[in-house]
Amino acid sequence: MPTAKPSFGELIQGNKPVLVDFSAEWCGPCKSMPPILKQVKDHLKDDVTIITIDIDRNPELARSYQIQSVPTMIVFRRGEVKWRQSGVIPAEYIKNALDGVLQQL
């Protein structure tokens, strides 16, 4: 029996950090994020979950986190925002932020 995909709220409640990439199809800078996020995922493997949320398809979610520009990255852990940054961010910068979150108990 297939398991249901966890809701966004359930996903961000876990102990594993979740990096959420808030983006939009019409956003030029957003198109440069997938290869950067792949580098981050290759570095951190299963220590982190990375998901992309399209703000046009999920306007209430974007509103609830006051997303005013895309791309915006937010790292959640146990339901709390641990890190947030807007704009195209180098992979090294994201890795450092996630490493910091992973070191927190």
Protein backbone atom coordinates (compact mmCIF):
# COMPACT_ATOMS: atom_id res chain seq x y z
CA MET A 1 0.00 0.00 0.00
CA PRO A 2 1.55 3.36 -0.97
CA THR A 3 2.15 5.75 1.88
CA ALA A 4 0.68 9.22 1.64
CA LYS A 5 3.12 12.04 1.08
CA PRO A 6 3.54 14.08 4.23
CA SER A 7 1.99 17.52 4.23
CA PHE A 8 4.25 20.57 4.28
CA GLY A 9 3.44 21.05 7.97
CA GLU A 10 4.36 17.45 8.78
CA LEU A 11 7.54 17.61 6.70
CA ILE A 12 8.97 20.66 8.49
CA GLN A 13 8.20 19.24 11.97
CA GLY A 14 10.89 16.57 11.71
CA ASN A 15 14.35 16.53 13.22
CA LYS A 16 15.90 16.44 9.74
CA PRO A 17 16.42 19.97 8.36
CA VAL A 18 14.23 20.85 5.39
CA LEU A 19 15.50 23.43 2.90
CA VAL A 20 12.56 24.98 1.10
CA ASP A 21 13.27 26.81 -2.15
CA PHE A 22 10.37 29.22 -2.73
CA SER A 23 10.43 30.03 -6.44
CA ALA A 24 8.31 30.77 -9.50
CA GLU A 25 8.37 29.63 -13.13
CA TRP A 26 8.57 33.23 -14.41
CA CYS A 27 11.57 34.04 -12.18
CA GLY A 28 14.87 34.14 -14.10
CA PRO A 29 17.19 33.88 -11.07
CA CYS A 30 15.14 30.90 -9.77
CA LYS A 31 16.24 28.90 -12.82
CA SER A 32 19.84 28.98 -11.58
CA MET A 33 18.96 27.38 -8.23
CA PRO A 34 18.41 23.68 -9.20
CA PRO A 35 22.11 22.97 -9.99
CA ILE A 36 23.13 24.83 -6.81
CA LEU A 37 20.65 22.81 -4.73
CA LYS A 38 21.93 19.60 -6.36
CA GLN A 39 25.45 20.46 -5.15
CA VAL A 40 24.06 20.99 -1.65
CA LYS A 41 22.17 17.67 -1.76
CA ASP A 42 25.26 15.85 -3.09
CA HIS A 43 27.26 17.25 -0.16
CA LEU A 44 24.72 16.62 2.63
CA LYS A 45 23.06 13.48 1.17
CA ASP A 46 20.20 12.28 3.40
CA ASP A 47 21.02 14.66 6.26
CA VAL A 48 18.71 17.22 4.68
CA THR A 49 15.48 17.29 2.66
CA ILE A 50 15.30 19.83 -0.16
CA ILE A 51 11.97 20.80 -1.69
CA THR A 52 10.90 23.51 -4.13
CA ILE A 53 7.62 25.34 -3.65
CA ASP A 54 6.10 27.30 -6.54
CA ILE A 55 4.65 30.45 -4.97
CA ASP A 56 2.05 30.79 -7.74
CA ARG A 57 0.72 27.28 -7.06
CA ASN A 58 0.92 27.71 -3.26
CA PRO A 59 0.03 31.36 -2.61
CA GLU A 60 -1.25 30.76 0.93
CA LEU A 61 2.02 29.07 1.92
CA ALA A 62 4.06 31.89 0.38
CA ARG A 63 1.89 34.42 2.21
CA SER A 64 2.20 32.64 5.55
CA TYR A 65 6.02 32.90 5.35
CA GLN A 66 5.95 36.46 3.93
CA ILE A 67 7.74 35.50 0.72
CA GLN A 68 8.14 38.83 -1.07
CA SER A 69 10.87 37.96 -3.53
CA VAL A 70 12.02 34.76 -5.20
CA PRO A 71 14.10 32.78 -4.90
CA THR A 72 13.87 32.66 -1.10
CA MET A 73 15.41 29.76 0.81
CA ILE A 74 14.15 28.84 4.27
CA VAL A 75 15.57 26.06 6.44
CA PHE A 76 13.09 24.50 8.86
CA ARG A 77 13.83 22.09 11.69
CA ARG A 78 11.23 20.88 14.20
CA GLY A 79 8.79 23.39 12.71
CA GLU A 80 11.03 26.38 13.36
CA VAL A 81 12.67 28.67 10.81
CA LYS A 82 16.42 28.19 11.37
CA TRP A 83 17.76 30.19 8.42
CA ARG A 84 16.34 32.36 5.68
CA GLN A 85 17.89 34.11 2.67
CA SER A 86 16.56 35.64 -0.53
CA GLY A 87 18.28 35.78 -3.89
CA VAL A 88 20.58 33.40 -5.72
CA ILE A 89 22.87 31.95 -3.09
CA PRO A 90 26.13 30.05 -3.74
CA ALA A 91 26.06 26.37 -2.78
CA GLU A 92 28.91 26.87 -0.30
CA TYR A 93 26.90 29.47 1.61
CA ILE A 94 23.84 27.19 1.79
CA LYS A 95 26.00 24.22 2.87
CA ASN A 96 27.53 26.29 5.68
CA ALA A 97 24.08 27.38 6.87
CA LEU A 98 22.82 23.78 6.84
CA ASP A 99 25.96 22.48 8.56
CA GLY A 100 25.28 25.02 11.33
CA VAL A 101 21.68 23.82 11.68
CA LEU A 102 22.80 20.17 11.73
CA GLN A 103 25.21 20.92 14.60
CA GLN A 104 22.40 22.30 16.77
CA LEU A 105 20.84 19.80 19.12
